[in-house]
Amino acid sequence: MPVMRWDPFRDLSAIHERMNRLFEAALSGSDFGEAGMGVGSWRPVADVVETDEVFLVSCEIPGLVRNEIEIKLSENVLTVRGERRVDKDSEAQQFHRIERAYGPFERSFTVPASIDGDAISANYRDGVLSVVLPKRPEATPRRITVRLT
């Protein structure tokens, strides 16, 4: 078995390459090909729930005013847009740490064609946006009773 000499610079070079890939992914987007996820952008978390009658999309977007939220349904894609701005009370403020994400955001969800686009409603309360997408009556499951003959 050949003897390999330990080279500390080889390990350092490998760490350097990993760090470069990490920063490239953070600045240009995620590893999953999602554009716009670099520094200075954010995506609110969301839940999508289906019942027999509706789809319910809930997004956490605290700190927004109701008229700053845009909801659009186009070609079976529901899009939620908005922007969270930094509160600046005075020019004399000096931030020591900013951990919350600010700036524009956009989330898109593909919805089935069975959605009744004219009956969509939305509610914004306690920082949570809830969008109710009712299904068309013909798309909701119906119960069939079995008769004995």
Foldseek 3Di string as FASTA:
>chain_A
DDDDDDDVVVVVVVVVVVVVVVQVCQAQHHPVPDGPNHPQADEWDWDWDDDLWWIKIKTQAPQDDPVQWDWDADPQKIKIKGWHDDDDPDPPDDDPDDDDHTTIYMDIDRHDPQWDVVPWDWDADPRMIMIITTGDPVRRDDDDDDDDD
